[in-house]
Amino acid sequence: MPYVFLTNAGPNRYSIGREKVLKLPPESLAWSTETEHDATLELLLKKMLEPHYSHGSYEVDHPHLAHYLHEAQELLARHIEAQECSEAYSRLEPSTTMIAPTDEAKTLFDQLDSVKKKLALLECEKEYLENRIKALIGNAAGIQGVATWKATTINRLDSDAIKSQYPEIYASHLKTTKTRRFVLVK
């Protein structure tokens, strides 16, 4: 099972990492845990410690670090529980019944709606900043230490053309999967 870990990067300074097999010497480790959800836990820790990031590592005193680690593990446990429940229900055939909204459902809806609006605004801000940097790059390959903006070629299969020119081949290679689509109703 993979590991998520913190290495000592100086007094009250830490780096976050994850590996399938932990090969680091014990004296370099400040903390480690084994988890199937290593990518999620690593992301949680990076987001929680982000305000403390500078010069390639996170600067935080031990009591605060212990608090962040505890909080991240609790959040991960809640995340995993909700994800497993959702995945279990996604495999079931849904009924046609619509249930009445509870106070919890309304609260969760409002929270999710708020997060989606914030994400949309952040996405716009991200696009704006990326475009400003692209404008600074102009027709160069990039700006050293900031960003690159290089031309790439992508080849994609034109399924519409195959469907119209070779309908039998297209039909014989279709793969049907059932899924439940989650849509917020406003």
Protein backbone atom coordinates (compact mmCIF):
# COMPACT_ATOMS: atom_id res chain seq x y z
CA MET A 1 0.00 0.00 0.00
CA PRO A 2 1.34 3.50 -0.85
CA TYR A 3 2.64 6.00 1.68
CA VAL A 4 2.17 9.71 2.20
CA PHE A 5 4.95 11.33 4.19
CA LEU A 6 6.58 14.51 5.41
CA THR A 7 10.34 14.84 5.31
CA ASN A 8 12.36 17.23 7.43
CA ALA A 9 13.57 20.14 5.31
CA GLY A 10 15.04 22.18 8.16
CA PRO A 11 13.85 23.47 11.53
CA ASN A 12 10.02 23.52 11.36
CA ARG A 13 10.25 23.01 7.58
CA TYR A 14 8.73 20.02 5.79
CA SER A 15 8.26 18.60 2.31
CA ILE A 16 5.26 16.45 1.36
CA GLY A 17 5.58 13.34 -0.78
CA ARG A 18 4.12 9.96 -1.59
CA GLU A 19 5.61 6.69 -2.77
CA LYS A 20 4.41 3.16 -3.42
CA VAL A 21 7.23 1.82 -1.25
CA LEU A 22 8.74 3.99 1.46
CA LYS A 23 12.52 3.84 1.03
CA LEU A 24 13.52 6.97 2.89
CA PRO A 25 15.78 6.72 5.94
CA PRO A 26 13.75 7.00 9.18
CA GLU A 27 15.76 10.00 10.39
CA SER A 28 14.61 12.07 7.39
CA LEU A 29 10.92 11.35 8.06
CA ALA A 30 8.86 13.70 10.20
CA TRP A 31 5.64 11.72 9.62
CA SER A 32 4.30 8.97 7.37
CA THR A 33 1.14 6.94 6.89
CA GLU A 34 0.09 4.09 4.66
CA THR A 35 -3.13 4.63 2.68
CA GLU A 36 -4.87 3.47 -0.48
CA HIS A 37 -5.95 7.10 -0.93
CA ASP A 38 -2.43 8.52 -1.14
CA ALA A 39 -3.15 11.01 -3.94
CA THR A 40 -6.17 12.45 -2.09
CA LEU A 41 -4.34 12.70 1.25
CA GLU A 42 -1.30 14.31 -0.40
CA LEU A 43 -3.57 16.87 -2.09
CA LEU A 44 -5.41 17.59 1.18
CA LEU A 45 -2.15 18.16 3.03
CA LYS A 46 -0.78 20.42 0.30
CA LYS A 47 -3.97 22.50 0.26
CA MET A 48 -4.11 22.76 4.06
CA LEU A 49 -0.45 23.71 4.37
CA GLU A 50 -0.46 25.99 1.29
CA PRO A 51 -0.44 29.22 3.36
CA HIS A 52 2.81 28.01 4.96
CA TYR A 53 4.58 27.25 1.65
CA SER A 54 7.74 29.15 0.81
CA HIS A 55 11.03 28.36 -0.89
CA GLY A 56 10.13 24.76 -1.77
CA SER A 57 8.87 23.57 1.61
CA TYR A 58 6.23 24.18 4.28
CA GLU A 59 7.19 26.17 7.37
CA VAL A 60 4.98 25.29 10.32
CA ASP A 61 5.65 24.64 13.99
CA HIS A 62 5.09 21.17 15.42
CA PRO A 63 1.80 21.83 17.32
CA HIS A 64 0.19 23.35 14.22
CA LEU A 65 1.57 20.57 12.03
CA ALA A 66 0.06 17.94 14.35
CA HIS A 67 -3.28 19.76 14.10
CA TYR A 68 -3.12 19.85 10.27
CA LEU A 69 -2.20 16.16 10.07
CA HIS A 70 -5.07 15.18 12.37
CA GLU A 71 -7.52 17.39 10.46
CA ALA A 72 -6.39 16.02 7.07
CA GLN A 73 -6.80 12.42 8.22
CA GLU A 74 -10.28 13.11 9.62
CA LEU A 75 -11.30 14.87 6.41
CA LEU A 76 -9.92 11.97 4.37
CA ALA A 77 -11.92 9.47 6.44
CA ARG A 78 -15.14 11.45 5.84
CA HIS A 79 -14.28 11.78 2.16
CA ILE A 80 -13.67 8.04 1.79
CA GLU A 81 -16.90 7.18 3.63
CA ALA A 82 -18.96 9.47 1.39
CA GLN A 83 -17.20 8.24 -1.75
CA GLU A 84 -17.70 4.56 -0.87
CA CYS A 85 -21.39 5.15 -0.10
CA SER A 86 -21.85 7.04 -3.37
CA GLU A 87 -20.05 4.32 -5.35
CA ALA A 88 -22.19 1.60 -3.75
CA TYR A 89 -25.39 3.41 -4.74
CA SER A 90 -24.05 4.14 -8.24
CA ARG A 91 -23.93 0.38 -8.91
CA LEU A 92 -27.62 -0.08 -8.03
CA GLU A 93 -30.51 0.33 -10.40
CA PRO A 94 -32.24 3.56 -9.28
CA SER A 95 -35.95 3.71 -8.61
CA THR A 96 -38.13 6.38 -10.21
CA THR A 97 -39.13 7.79 -6.81
CA MET A 98 -38.12 11.33 -5.88
CA ILE A 99 -37.73 11.74 -2.12
CA ALA A 100 -38.65 14.83 -0.12
CA PRO A 101 -35.71 17.14 0.73
CA THR A 102 -34.44 17.05 4.30
CA ASP A 103 -32.75 19.95 6.07
CA GLU A 104 -29.43 18.14 5.58
CA ALA A 105 -30.05 17.81 1.82
CA LYS A 106 -30.92 21.51 1.55
CA THR A 107 -27.81 22.52 3.51
CA LEU A 108 -25.57 20.28 1.40
CA PHE A 109 -27.17 21.66 -1.77
CA ASP A 110 -26.50 25.24 -0.66
CA GLN A 111 -22.89 24.39 0.25
CA LEU A 112 -22.29 22.63 -3.06
CA ASP A 113 -23.93 25.45 -5.02
CA SER A 114 -21.68 27.96 -3.24
CA VAL A 115 -18.54 25.90 -3.94
CA LYS A 116 -19.48 25.52 -7.62
CA LYS A 117 -19.90 29.30 -7.94
CA LYS A 118 -16.52 29.91 -6.29
CA LEU A 119 -14.90 27.34 -8.57
CA ALA A 120 -16.41 29.03 -11.64
CA LEU A 121 -15.02 32.39 -10.51
CA LEU A 122 -11.63 30.84 -9.77
CA GLU A 123 -11.63 29.15 -13.19
CA CYS A 124 -12.27 32.54 -14.82
CA GLU A 125 -9.48 34.12 -12.78
CA LYS A 126 -7.14 31.24 -13.66
CA GLU A 127 -7.91 31.64 -17.38
CA TYR A 128 -7.34 35.40 -17.16
CA LEU A 129 -3.95 34.95 -15.46
CA GLU A 130 -2.90 32.22 -17.90
CA ASN A 131 -3.83 34.46 -20.83
CA ARG A 132 -1.86 37.37 -19.34
CA ILE A 133 1.21 35.13 -19.05
CA LYS A 134 0.67 33.84 -22.62
CA ALA A 135 0.52 37.44 -23.82
CA LEU A 136 3.86 38.09 -22.10
CA ILE A 137 5.34 34.97 -23.73
CA GLY A 138 4.12 36.07 -27.16
CA ASN A 139 5.68 33.86 -29.84
CA ALA A 140 8.55 32.68 -27.60
CA ALA A 141 8.65 29.13 -26.21
CA GLY A 142 8.21 30.40 -22.67
CA ILE A 143 9.53 32.48 -19.81
CA GLN A 144 12.35 30.92 -17.83
CA GLY A 145 11.22 29.80 -14.40
CA VAL A 146 7.63 30.88 -15.07
CA ALA A 147 5.93 28.93 -17.86
CA THR A 148 6.33 27.31 -21.25
CA TRP A 149 3.86 27.61 -24.12
CA LYS A 150 4.87 25.20 -26.84
CA ALA A 151 2.97 23.92 -29.86
CA THR A 152 1.89 20.28 -29.66
CA THR A 153 0.20 17.98 -32.14
CA ILE A 154 -2.66 15.78 -30.96
CA ASN A 155 -4.17 12.97 -33.04
CA ARG A 156 -7.72 12.00 -32.14
CA LEU A 157 -10.01 9.44 -33.67
CA ASP A 158 -12.90 11.05 -35.55
CA SER A 159 -15.72 8.81 -34.33
CA ASP A 160 -18.35 10.71 -36.34
CA ALA A 161 -16.48 10.01 -39.59
CA ILE A 162 -16.04 6.34 -38.73
CA LYS A 163 -19.71 6.10 -37.76
CA SER A 164 -20.83 7.52 -41.12
CA GLN A 165 -18.27 5.73 -43.35
CA TYR A 166 -18.07 2.39 -41.52
CA PRO A 167 -21.27 2.00 -39.50
CA GLU A 168 -20.83 -1.78 -39.01
CA ILE A 169 -17.30 -1.41 -37.63
CA TYR A 170 -18.41 1.48 -35.43
CA ALA A 171 -21.38 -0.51 -34.07
CA SER A 172 -19.29 -3.62 -33.44
CA HIS A 173 -16.84 -1.62 -31.28
CA LEU A 174 -19.35 0.28 -29.18
CA LYS A 175 -19.06 -0.40 -25.49
CA THR A 176 -22.20 0.15 -23.44
CA THR A 177 -21.87 1.15 -19.81
CA LYS A 178 -24.55 2.14 -17.33
CA THR A 179 -24.01 5.10 -15.10
CA ARG A 180 -26.00 7.42 -12.88
CA ARG A 181 -25.74 11.09 -13.78
CA PHE A 182 -25.75 13.57 -10.87
CA VAL A 183 -27.49 16.85 -11.70
CA LEU A 184 -28.28 19.68 -9.29
CA VAL A 185 -31.87 20.88 -9.67
CA LYS A 186 -32.45 24.55 -8.98
